[in-house]
């Protein structure tokens, strides 16, 4: 069985964190594309049926979903409440606390 050195473990952790961030960013981009396509469809349907309804209803799902999309974007970016370093700081804090309990 091969043992990893401390440097290799740190590199593995960096890789896993980077991979997780890329996956989160990919999920956000997919969310953004679906948001755009579905809302284009809503606008087209609303324009085609406006004479019957007399109301521009497409703005309601656009605004509601837009708020959710903005929240998703903030969670992926480092500008969110839980920035990129927050998770690392909390992990270190709990690890330090755990070792002091021994």
PDB file of N, CA and C in Angstrom:
ATOM      1  N   UNK A   1       0.843  -1.179   0.000  1.00  0.00           N
ATOM      2  CA  UNK A   1       0.000   0.000   0.000  1.00  0.00           C
ATOM      3  C   UNK A   1       0.890   1.244   0.000  1.00  0.00           C
ATOM      4  N   UNK A   2       0.624   2.148  -0.898  1.00  0.00           N
ATOM      5  CA  UNK A   2       1.412   3.372  -0.993  1.00  0.00           C
ATOM      6  C   UNK A   2       0.856   4.433  -0.071  1.00  0.00           C
ATOM      7  N   UNK A   3       1.752   5.115   0.601  1.00  0.00           N
ATOM      8  CA  UNK A   3       1.338   6.219   1.465  1.00  0.00           C
ATOM      9  C   UNK A   3       1.582   7.524   0.735  1.00  0.00           C
ATOM     10  N   UNK A   4       0.698   8.478   0.952  1.00  0.00           N
ATOM     11  CA  UNK A   4       0.864   9.792   0.343  1.00  0.00           C
ATOM     12  C   UNK A   4       1.560  10.709   1.324  1.00  0.00           C
ATOM     13  N   UNK A   5       2.380  11.575   0.767  1.00  0.00           N
ATOM     14  CA  UNK A   5       3.033  12.572   1.611  1.00  0.00           C
ATOM     15  C   UNK A   5       2.061  13.714   1.865  1.00  0.00           C
ATOM     16  N   UNK A   6       2.408  14.573   2.815  1.00  0.00           N
ATOM     17  CA  UNK A   6       1.548  15.716   3.137  1.00  0.00           C
ATOM     18  C   UNK A   6       1.309  16.608   1.933  1.00  0.00           C
ATOM     19  N   UNK A   7       2.356  16.806   1.114  1.00  0.00           N
ATOM     20  CA  UNK A   7       2.219  17.646  -0.080  1.00  0.00           C
ATOM     21  C   UNK A   7       1.251  17.056  -1.091  1.00  0.00           C
ATOM     22  N   UNK A   8       1.304  15.728  -1.258  1.00  0.00           N
ATOM     23  CA  UNK A   8       0.389  15.074  -2.197  1.00  0.00           C
ATOM     24  C   UNK A   8      -1.051  15.170  -1.718  1.00  0.00           C
ATOM     25  N   UNK A   9      -1.253  15.047  -0.415  1.00  0.00           N
ATOM     26  CA  UNK A   9      -2.608  15.149   0.143  1.00  0.00           C
ATOM     27  C   UNK A   9      -3.151  16.556  -0.066  1.00  0.00           C
ATOM     28  N   UNK A  10      -2.304  17.559   0.157  1.00  0.00           N
ATOM     29  CA  UNK A  10      -2.723  18.951  -0.057  1.00  0.00           C
ATOM     30  C   UNK A  10      -3.091  19.168  -1.518  1.00  0.00           C
ATOM     31  N   UNK A  11      -2.277  18.637  -2.441  1.00  0.00           N
ATOM     32  CA  UNK A  11      -2.571  18.781  -3.869  1.00  0.00           C
ATOM     33  C   UNK A  11      -3.875  18.074  -4.232  1.00  0.00           C
ATOM     34  N   UNK A  12      -4.103  16.882  -3.654  1.00  0.00           N
ATOM     35  CA  UNK A  12      -5.359  16.167  -3.895  1.00  0.00           C
ATOM     36  C   UNK A  12      -6.548  16.993  -3.414  1.00  0.00           C
ATOM     37  N   UNK A  13      -6.412  17.585  -2.224  1.00  0.00           N
ATOM     38  CA  UNK A  13      -7.493  18.418  -1.691  1.00  0.00           C
ATOM     39  C   UNK A  13      -7.740  19.634  -2.569  1.00  0.00           C
ATOM     40  N   UNK A  14      -6.667  20.266  -3.052  1.00  0.00           N
ATOM     41  CA  UNK A  14      -6.816  21.419  -3.951  1.00  0.00           C
ATOM     42  C   UNK A  14      -7.542  21.003  -5.226  1.00  0.00           C
ATOM     43  N   UNK A  15      -7.137  19.843  -5.772  1.00  0.00           N
ATOM     44  CA  UNK A  15      -7.771  19.349  -6.991  1.00  0.00           C
ATOM     45  C   UNK A  15      -9.256  19.089  -6.765  1.00  0.00           C
ATOM     46  N   UNK A  16      -9.593  18.438  -5.664  1.00  0.00           N
ATOM     47  CA  UNK A  16     -10.998  18.124  -5.383  1.00  0.00           C
ATOM     48  C   UNK A  16     -11.830  19.388  -5.188  1.00  0.00           C
ATOM     49  N   UNK A  17     -11.267  20.398  -4.507  1.00  0.00           N
ATOM     50  CA  UNK A  17     -11.988  21.663  -4.325  1.00  0.00           C
ATOM     51  C   UNK A  17     -12.175  22.372  -5.661  1.00  0.00           C
ATOM     52  N   UNK A  18     -11.121  22.367  -6.494  1.00  0.00           N
ATOM     53  CA  UNK A  18     -11.220  23.008  -7.807  1.00  0.00           C
ATOM     54  C   UNK A  18     -12.249  22.288  -8.671  1.00  0.00           C
ATOM     55  N   UNK A  19     -12.244  20.963  -8.622  1.00  0.00           N
ATOM     56  CA  UNK A  19     -13.205  20.177  -9.400  1.00  0.00           C
ATOM     57  C   UNK A  19     -14.629  20.483  -8.950  1.00  0.00           C
ATOM     58  N   UNK A  20     -14.829  20.599  -7.635  1.00  0.00           N
ATOM     59  CA  UNK A  20     -16.158  20.919  -7.102  1.00  0.00           C
ATOM     60  C   UNK A  20     -16.616  22.291  -7.594  1.00  0.00           C
ATOM     61  N   UNK A  21     -15.712  23.274  -7.591  1.00  0.00           N
ATOM     62  CA  UNK A  21     -16.056  24.624  -8.060  1.00  0.00           C
ATOM     63  C   UNK A  21     -16.428  24.606  -9.543  1.00  0.00           C
ATOM     64  N   UNK A  22     -15.686  23.840 -10.347  1.00  0.00           N
ATOM     65  CA  UNK A  22     -15.985  23.742 -11.779  1.00  0.00           C
ATOM     66  C   UNK A  22     -17.352  23.100 -11.987  1.00  0.00           C
ATOM     67  N   UNK A  23     -17.674  22.074 -11.216  1.00  0.00           N
ATOM     68  CA  UNK A  23     -18.987  21.429 -11.324  1.00  0.00           C
ATOM     69  C   UNK A  23     -20.107  22.389 -10.937  1.00  0.00           C
ATOM     70  N   UNK A  24     -19.882  23.192  -9.889  1.00  0.00           N
ATOM     71  CA  UNK A  24     -20.882  24.182  -9.477  1.00  0.00           C
ATOM     72  C   UNK A  24     -21.073  25.245 -10.556  1.00  0.00           C
ATOM     73  N   UNK A  25     -19.973  25.679 -11.165  1.00  0.00           N
ATOM     74  CA  UNK A  25     -20.046  26.682 -12.227  1.00  0.00           C
ATOM     75  C   UNK A  25     -20.766  26.121 -13.454  1.00  0.00           C
ATOM     76  N   UNK A  26     -20.486  24.866 -13.787  1.00  0.00           N
ATOM     77  CA  UNK A  26     -21.159  24.211 -14.914  1.00  0.00           C
ATOM     78  C   UNK A  26     -22.664  24.137 -14.665  1.00  0.00           C
ATOM     79  N   UNK A  27     -23.056  23.778 -13.450  1.00  0.00           N
ATOM     80  CA  UNK A  27     -24.483  23.708 -13.107  1.00  0.00           C
ATOM     81  C   UNK A  27     -25.131  25.080 -13.231  1.00  0.00           C
ATOM     82  N   UNK A  28     -24.410  26.136 -12.835  1.00  0.00           N
ATOM     83  CA  UNK A  28     -24.950  27.490 -12.965  1.00  0.00           C
ATOM     84  C   UNK A  28     -25.137  27.858 -14.432  1.00  0.00           C
ATOM     85  N   UNK A  29     -24.159  27.549 -15.280  1.00  0.00           N
ATOM     86  CA  UNK A  29     -24.279  27.866 -16.710  1.00  0.00           C
ATOM     87  C   UNK A  29     -25.455  27.123 -17.342  1.00  0.00           C
ATOM     88  N   UNK A  30     -25.657  25.865 -16.965  1.00  0.00           N
ATOM     89  CA  UNK A  30     -26.813  25.114 -17.475  1.00  0.00           C
ATOM     90  C   UNK A  30     -28.103  25.783 -17.013  1.00  0.00           C
ATOM     91  N   UNK A  31     -28.157  26.192 -15.748  1.00  0.00           N
ATOM     92  CA  UNK A  31     -29.321  26.891 -15.196  1.00  0.00           C
ATOM     93  C   UNK A  31     -29.584  28.174 -15.985  1.00  0.00           C
ATOM     94  N   UNK A  32     -28.527  28.922 -16.288  1.00  0.00           N
ATOM     95  CA  UNK A  32     -28.651  30.171 -17.039  1.00  0.00           C
ATOM     96  C   UNK A  32     -29.194  29.933 -18.444  1.00  0.00           C
ATOM     97  N   UNK A  33     -28.682  28.920 -19.129  1.00  0.00           N
ATOM     98  CA  UNK A  33     -29.141  28.617 -20.491  1.00  0.00           C
ATOM     99  C   UNK A  33     -30.610  28.210 -20.486  1.00  0.00           C
ATOM    100  N   UNK A  34     -31.000  27.355 -19.547  1.00  0.00           N
ATOM    101  CA  UNK A  34     -32.404  26.934 -19.448  1.00  0.00           C
ATOM    102  C   UNK A  34     -33.288  28.137 -19.136  1.00  0.00           C
ATOM    103  N   UNK A  35     -32.844  29.005 -18.232  1.00  0.00           N
ATOM    104  CA  UNK A  35     -33.575  30.231 -17.884  1.00  0.00           C
ATOM    105  C   UNK A  35     -33.831  31.074 -19.133  1.00  0.00           C
ATOM    106  N   UNK A  36     -32.798  31.290 -19.929  1.00  0.00           N
ATOM    107  CA  UNK A  36     -32.932  32.118 -21.137  1.00  0.00           C
ATOM    108  C   UNK A  36     -33.885  31.472 -22.129  1.00  0.00           C
ATOM    109  N   UNK A  37     -33.694  30.191 -22.413  1.00  0.00           N
ATOM    110  CA  UNK A  37     -34.526  29.513 -23.413  1.00  0.00           C
ATOM    111  C   UNK A  37     -35.995  29.452 -22.997  1.00  0.00           C
ATOM    112  N   UNK A  38     -36.251  29.094 -21.760  1.00  0.00           N
ATOM    113  CA  UNK A  38     -37.638  28.985 -21.293  1.00  0.00           C
ATOM    114  C   UNK A  38     -38.308  30.353 -21.279  1.00  0.00           C
ATOM    115  N   UNK A  39     -37.584  31.381 -20.859  1.00  0.00           N
ATOM    116  CA  UNK A  39     -38.194  32.707 -20.822  1.00  0.00           C
ATOM    117  C   UNK A  39     -38.409  33.290 -22.211  1.00  0.00           C
ATOM    118  N   UNK A  40     -37.560  32.938 -23.176  1.00  0.00           N
ATOM    119  CA  UNK A  40     -37.829  33.319 -24.568  1.00  0.00           C
ATOM    120  C   UNK A  40     -39.133  32.676 -25.019  1.00  0.00           C
ATOM    121  N   UNK A  41     -39.311  31.402 -24.670  1.00  0.00           N
ATOM    122  CA  UNK A  41     -40.549  30.707 -25.018  1.00  0.00           C
ATOM    123  C   UNK A  41     -41.756  31.387 -24.359  1.00  0.00           C
ATOM    124  N   UNK A  42     -41.632  31.769 -23.088  1.00  0.00           N
ATOM    125  CA  UNK A  42     -42.723  32.466 -22.398  1.00  0.00           C
ATOM    126  C   UNK A  42     -43.068  33.785 -23.086  1.00  0.00           C
ATOM    127  N   UNK A  43     -42.053  34.534 -23.498  1.00  0.00           N
ATOM    128  CA  UNK A  43     -42.296  35.811 -24.180  1.00  0.00           C
ATOM    129  C   UNK A  43     -43.039  35.569 -25.486  1.00  0.00           C
ATOM    130  N   UNK A  44     -42.606  34.586 -26.253  1.00  0.00           N
ATOM    131  CA  UNK A  44     -43.264  34.280 -27.532  1.00  0.00           C
ATOM    132  C   UNK A  44     -44.716  33.882 -27.302  1.00  0.00           C
ATOM    133  N   UNK A  45     -44.958  32.998 -26.346  1.00  0.00           N
ATOM    134  CA  UNK A  45     -46.335  32.580 -26.047  1.00  0.00           C
ATOM    135  C   UNK A  45     -47.168  33.772 -25.606  1.00  0.00           C
ATOM    136  N   UNK A  46     -46.596  34.628 -24.768  1.00  0.00           N
ATOM    137  CA  UNK A  46     -47.327  35.797 -24.273  1.00  0.00           C
ATOM    138  C   UNK A  46     -47.646  36.769 -25.404  1.00  0.00           C
ATOM    139  N   UNK A  47     -46.695  36.979 -26.308  1.00  0.00           N
ATOM    140  CA  UNK A  47     -46.933  37.880 -27.445  1.00  0.00           C
ATOM    141  C   UNK A  47     -48.027  37.313 -28.344  1.00  0.00           C
ATOM    142  N   UNK A  48     -47.991  36.007 -28.588  1.00  0.00           N
ATOM    143  CA  UNK A  48     -48.981  35.384 -29.471  1.00  0.00           C
ATOM    144  C   UNK A  48     -50.380  35.343 -28.860  1.00  0.00           C
ATOM    145  N   UNK A  49     -50.465  35.342 -27.539  1.00  0.00           N
ATOM    146  CA  UNK A  49     -51.773  35.251 -26.877  1.00  0.00           C
ATOM    147  C   UNK A  49     -52.165  36.545 -26.167  1.00  0.00           C
ATOM    148  N   UNK A  50     -51.458  37.637 -26.443  1.00  0.00           N
ATOM    149  CA  UNK A  50     -51.701  38.883 -25.710  1.00  0.00           C
ATOM    150  C   UNK A  50     -53.110  39.422 -25.932  1.00  0.00           C
ATOM    151  N   UNK A  51     -53.620  39.306 -27.145  1.00  0.00           N
ATOM    152  CA  UNK A  51     -54.961  39.847 -27.423  1.00  0.00           C
ATOM    153  C   UNK A  51     -56.025  39.140 -26.596  1.00  0.00           C
ATOM    154  N   UNK A  52     -55.826  37.853 -26.330  1.00  0.00           N
ATOM    155  CA  UNK A  52     -56.791  37.108 -25.520  1.00  0.00           C
ATOM    156  C   UNK A  52     -56.684  37.481 -24.040  1.00  0.00           C
ATOM    157  N   UNK A  53     -55.453  37.583 -23.545  1.00  0.00           N
ATOM    158  CA  UNK A  53     -55.273  37.827 -22.109  1.00  0.00           C
ATOM    159  C   UNK A  53     -55.195  39.312 -21.781  1.00  0.00           C
ATOM    160  N   UNK A  54     -54.621  40.102 -22.675  1.00  0.00           N
ATOM    161  CA  UNK A  54     -54.459  41.528 -22.430  1.00  0.00           C
ATOM    162  C   UNK A  54     -53.505  41.830 -21.291  1.00  0.00           C
ATOM    163  N   UNK A  55     -52.634  40.880 -20.995  1.00  0.00           N
ATOM    164  CA  UNK A  55     -51.752  41.026 -19.833  1.00  0.00           C
ATOM    165  C   UNK A  55     -50.364  40.481 -20.178  1.00  0.00           C
ATOM    166  N   UNK A  56     -49.336  41.215 -19.782  1.00  0.00           N
ATOM    167  CA  UNK A  56     -47.960  40.762 -19.990  1.00  0.00           C
ATOM    168  C   UNK A  56     -47.536  39.914 -18.786  1.00  0.00           C
ATOM    169  N   UNK A  57     -47.969  38.655 -18.761  1.00  0.00           N
ATOM    170  CA  UNK A  57     -47.733  37.776 -17.625  1.00  0.00           C
ATOM    171  C   UNK A  57     -46.324  37.199 -17.584  1.00  0.00           C
ATOM    172  N   UNK A  58     -45.598  37.231 -18.703  1.00  0.00           N
ATOM    173  CA  UNK A  58     -44.280  36.589 -18.734  1.00  0.00           C
ATOM    174  C   UNK A  58     -43.301  37.204 -17.729  1.00  0.00           C
ATOM    175  N   UNK A  59     -43.582  38.449 -17.301  1.00  0.00           N
ATOM    176  CA  UNK A  59     -42.656  39.107 -16.369  1.00  0.00           C
ATOM    177  C   UNK A  59     -42.648  38.427 -14.993  1.00  0.00           C
ATOM    178  N   UNK A  60     -43.745  37.772 -14.609  1.00  0.00           N
ATOM    179  CA  UNK A  60     -43.802  37.146 -13.283  1.00  0.00           C
ATOM    180  C   UNK A  60     -42.844  35.963 -13.161  1.00  0.00           C
ATOM    181  N   UNK A  61     -42.892  34.991 -14.079  1.00  0.00           N
ATOM    182  CA  UNK A  61     -41.890  33.919 -13.960  1.00  0.00           C
ATOM    183  C   UNK A  61     -40.474  34.432 -14.223  1.00  0.00           C
ATOM    184  N   UNK A  62     -40.349  35.439 -15.083  1.00  0.00           N
ATOM    185  CA  UNK A  62     -39.034  36.014 -15.359  1.00  0.00           C
ATOM    186  C   UNK A  62     -38.420  36.605 -14.089  1.00  0.00           C
ATOM    187  N   UNK A  63     -39.218  37.360 -13.353  1.00  0.00           N
ATOM    188  CA  UNK A  63     -38.713  37.991 -12.125  1.00  0.00           C
ATOM    189  C   UNK A  63     -38.459  36.958 -11.024  1.00  0.00           C
ATOM    190  N   UNK A  64     -39.411  36.053 -10.821  1.00  0.00           N
ATOM    191  CA  UNK A  64     -39.247  35.046  -9.773  1.00  0.00           C
ATOM    192  C   UNK A  64     -38.054  34.144 -10.017  1.00  0.00           C
ATOM    193  N   UNK A  65     -37.978  33.617 -11.228  1.00  0.00           N
ATOM    194  CA  UNK A  65     -36.879  32.729 -11.572  1.00  0.00           C
ATOM    195  C   UNK A  65     -35.567  33.515 -11.611  1.00  0.00           C
ATOM    196  N   UNK A  66     -35.641  34.779 -12.040  1.00  0.00           N
ATOM    197  CA  UNK A  66     -34.447  35.620 -12.074  1.00  0.00           C
ATOM    198  C   UNK A  66     -33.839  35.813 -10.692  1.00  0.00           C
ATOM    199  N   UNK A  67     -34.688  35.961  -9.687  1.00  0.00           N
ATOM    200  CA  UNK A  67     -34.193  36.084  -8.308  1.00  0.00           C
ATOM    201  C   UNK A  67     -33.483  34.791  -7.893  1.00  0.00           C
ATOM    202  N   UNK A  68     -34.095  33.653  -8.221  1.00  0.00           N
ATOM    203  CA  UNK A  68     -33.463  32.369  -7.914  1.00  0.00           C
ATOM    204  C   UNK A  68     -32.147  32.186  -8.653  1.00  0.00           C
ATOM    205  N   UNK A  69     -32.109  32.610  -9.910  1.00  0.00           N
ATOM    206  CA  UNK A  69     -30.883  32.510 -10.697  1.00  0.00           C
ATOM    207  C   UNK A  69     -29.791  33.407 -10.120  1.00  0.00           C
ATOM    208  N   UNK A  70     -30.172  34.604  -9.700  1.00  0.00           N
ATOM    209  CA  UNK A  70     -29.197  35.511  -9.084  1.00  0.00           C
ATOM    210  C   UNK A  70     -28.631  34.905  -7.798  1.00  0.00           C
ATOM    211  N   UNK A  71     -29.497  34.283  -7.001  1.00  0.00           N
ATOM    212  CA  UNK A  71     -29.032  33.633  -5.773  1.00  0.00           C
ATOM    213  C   UNK A  71     -28.078  32.487  -6.101  1.00  0.00           C
ATOM    214  N   UNK A  72     -28.401  31.730  -7.138  1.00  0.00           N
ATOM    215  CA  UNK A  72     -27.528  30.638  -7.560  1.00  0.00           C
ATOM    216  C   UNK A  72     -26.176  31.193  -8.000  1.00  0.00           C
ATOM    217  N   UNK A  73     -26.208  32.277  -8.769  1.00  0.00           N
ATOM    218  CA  UNK A  73     -24.969  32.903  -9.219  1.00  0.00           C
ATOM    219  C   UNK A  73     -24.118  33.393  -8.063  1.00  0.00           C
ATOM    220  N   UNK A  74     -24.760  33.990  -7.067  1.00  0.00           N
ATOM    221  CA  UNK A  74     -24.014  34.459  -5.891  1.00  0.00           C
ATOM    222  C   UNK A  74     -23.404  33.305  -5.111  1.00  0.00           C
ATOM    223  N   UNK A  75     -24.130  32.191  -5.048  1.00  0.00           N
ATOM    224  CA  UNK A  75     -23.599  31.043  -4.307  1.00  0.00           C
ATOM    225  C   UNK A  75     -22.387  30.433  -5.003  1.00  0.00           C
ATOM    226  N   UNK A  76     -22.333  30.553  -6.325  1.00  0.00           N
ATOM    227  CA  UNK A  76     -21.214  29.997  -7.081  1.00  0.00           C
ATOM    228  C   UNK A  76     -20.016  30.946  -7.061  1.00  0.00           C
ATOM    229  N   UNK A  77     -20.293  32.242  -7.072  1.00  0.00           N
ATOM    230  CA  UNK A  77     -19.206  33.222  -7.105  1.00  0.00           C
ATOM    231  C   UNK A  77     -18.603  33.406  -5.722  1.00  0.00           C
ATOM    232  N   UNK A  78     -17.508  34.097  -5.686  1.00  0.00           N
ATOM    233  CA  UNK A  78     -16.871  34.373  -4.398  1.00  0.00           C
ATOM    234  C   UNK A  78     -17.480  35.597  -3.731  1.00  0.00           C
ATOM    235  N   UNK A  79     -18.500  36.205  -4.361  1.00  0.00           N
ATOM    236  CA  UNK A  79     -19.148  37.381  -3.797  1.00  0.00           C
ATOM    237  C   UNK A  79     -20.312  37.016  -2.889  1.00  0.00           C
ATOM    238  N   UNK A  80     -20.633  35.731  -2.807  1.00  0.00           N
ATOM    239  CA  UNK A  80     -21.755  35.306  -1.984  1.00  0.00           C
ATOM    240  C   UNK A  80     -21.457  35.461  -0.499  1.00  0.00           C
ATOM    241  N   UNK A  81     -22.471  35.250   0.296  1.00  0.00           N
ATOM    242  CA  UNK A  81     -22.325  35.326   1.750  1.00  0.00           C
ATOM    243  C   UNK A  81     -21.251  34.349   2.212  1.00  0.00           C
ATOM    244  N   UNK A  82     -21.258  33.181   1.628  1.00  0.00           N
ATOM    245  CA  UNK A  82     -20.272  32.163   1.958  1.00  0.00           C
ATOM    246  C   UNK A  82     -19.224  32.159   0.854  1.00  0.00           C
ATOM    247  N   UNK A  83     -18.278  33.084   0.926  1.00  0.00           N
ATOM    248  CA  UNK A  83     -17.240  33.223  -0.088  1.00  0.00           C
ATOM    249  C   UNK A  83     -16.367  31.986  -0.192  1.00  0.00           C
ATOM    250  N   UNK A  84     -15.448  32.016  -1.128  1.00  0.00           N
ATOM    251  CA  UNK A  84     -14.628  30.842  -1.396  1.00  0.00           C
ATOM    252  C   UNK A  84     -13.772  30.436  -0.201  1.00  0.00           C
ATOM    253  N   UNK A  85     -13.367  31.378   0.611  1.00  0.00           N
ATOM    254  CA  UNK A  85     -12.523  31.043   1.757  1.00  0.00           C
ATOM    255  C   UNK A  85     -13.326  30.660   2.992  1.00  0.00           C
ATOM    256  N   UNK A  86     -14.593  30.965   3.014  1.00  0.00           N
ATOM    257  CA  UNK A  86     -15.418  30.695   4.186  1.00  0.00           C
ATOM    258  C   UNK A  86     -15.412  29.210   4.532  1.00  0.00           C
ATOM    259  N   UNK A  87     -15.618  28.380   3.514  1.00  0.00           N
ATOM    260  CA  UNK A  87     -15.678  26.935   3.744  1.00  0.00           C
ATOM    261  C   UNK A  87     -14.349  26.423   4.298  1.00  0.00           C
ATOM    262  N   UNK A  88     -13.241  26.869   3.714  1.00  0.00           N
ATOM    263  CA  UNK A  88     -11.928  26.445   4.205  1.00  0.00           C
ATOM    264  C   UNK A  88     -11.702  26.878   5.652  1.00  0.00           C
ATOM    265  N   UNK A  89     -12.086  28.112   5.977  1.00  0.00           N
ATOM    266  CA  UNK A  89     -11.916  28.609   7.348  1.00  0.00           C
ATOM    267  C   UNK A  89     -12.737  27.786   8.338  1.00  0.00           C
ATOM    268  N   UNK A  90     -13.982  27.467   7.949  1.00  0.00           N
ATOM    269  CA  UNK A  90     -14.846  26.694   8.841  1.00  0.00           C
ATOM    270  C   UNK A  90     -14.306  25.276   9.038  1.00  0.00           C
ATOM    271  N   UNK A  91     -13.831  24.660   7.971  1.00  0.00           N
ATOM    272  CA  UNK A  91     -13.263  23.309   8.086  1.00  0.00           C
ATOM    273  C   UNK A  91     -12.071  23.334   9.038  1.00  0.00           C
ATOM    274  N   UNK A  92     -11.186  24.314   8.841  1.00  0.00           N
ATOM    275  CA  UNK A  92     -10.016  24.433   9.718  1.00  0.00           C
ATOM    276  C   UNK A  92     -10.448  24.684  11.160  1.00  0.00           C
ATOM    277  N   UNK A  93     -11.445  25.542  11.342  1.00  0.00           N
ATOM    278  CA  UNK A  93     -11.939  25.845  12.692  1.00  0.00           C
ATOM    279  C   UNK A  93     -12.440  24.583  13.388  1.00  0.00           C
ATOM    280  N   UNK A  94     -13.248  23.782  12.675  1.00  0.00           N
ATOM    281  CA  UNK A  94     -13.791  22.562  13.281  1.00  0.00           C
ATOM    282  C   UNK A  94     -12.711  21.505  13.490  1.00  0.00           C
ATOM    283  N   UNK A  95     -11.752  21.444  12.569  1.00  0.00           N
ATOM    284  CA  UNK A  95     -10.660  20.489  12.748  1.00  0.00           C
ATOM    285  C   UNK A  95      -9.816  20.863  13.960  1.00  0.00           C
ATOM    286  N   UNK A  96      -9.533  22.156  14.115  1.00  0.00           N
ATOM    287  CA  UNK A  96      -8.762  22.609  15.279  1.00  0.00           C
ATOM    288  C   UNK A  96      -9.521  22.325  16.570  1.00  0.00           C
ATOM    289  N   UNK A  97     -10.817  22.571  16.547  1.00  0.00           N
ATOM    290  CA  UNK A  97     -11.653  22.329  17.722  1.00  0.00           C
ATOM    291  C   UNK A  97     -11.682  20.835  18.055  1.00  0.00           C
ATOM    292  N   UNK A  98     -11.763  20.002  17.003  1.00  0.00           N
ATOM    293  CA  UNK A  98     -11.824  18.556  17.188  1.00  0.00           C
ATOM    294  C   UNK A  98     -10.525  18.024  17.783  1.00  0.00           C
ATOM    295  N   UNK A  99      -9.388  18.530  17.343  1.00  0.00           N
ATOM    296  CA  UNK A  99      -8.107  18.040  17.869  1.00  0.00           C
ATOM    297  C   UNK A  99      -7.878  18.503  19.297  1.00  0.00           C
ATOM    298  N   UNK A 100      -8.452  19.634  19.651  1.00  0.00           N
ATOM    299  CA  UNK A 100      -8.277  20.110  21.029  1.00  0.00           C
ATOM    300  C   UNK A 100      -9.154  19.334  22.012  1.00  0.00           C
ATOM    301  N   UNK A 101     -10.187  18.656  21.498  1.00  0.00           N
ATOM    302  CA  UNK A 101     -11.076  17.871  22.358  1.00  0.00           C
ATOM    303  C   UNK A 101     -10.467  16.530  22.754  1.00  0.00           C
ATOM    304  N   UNK A 102      -9.433  16.089  22.019  1.00  0.00           N
ATOM    305  CA  UNK A 102      -8.826  14.772  22.293  1.00  0.00           C
ATOM    306  C   UNK A 102      -8.131  14.732  23.600  1.00  0.00           C
TER     307      UNK A 102
END
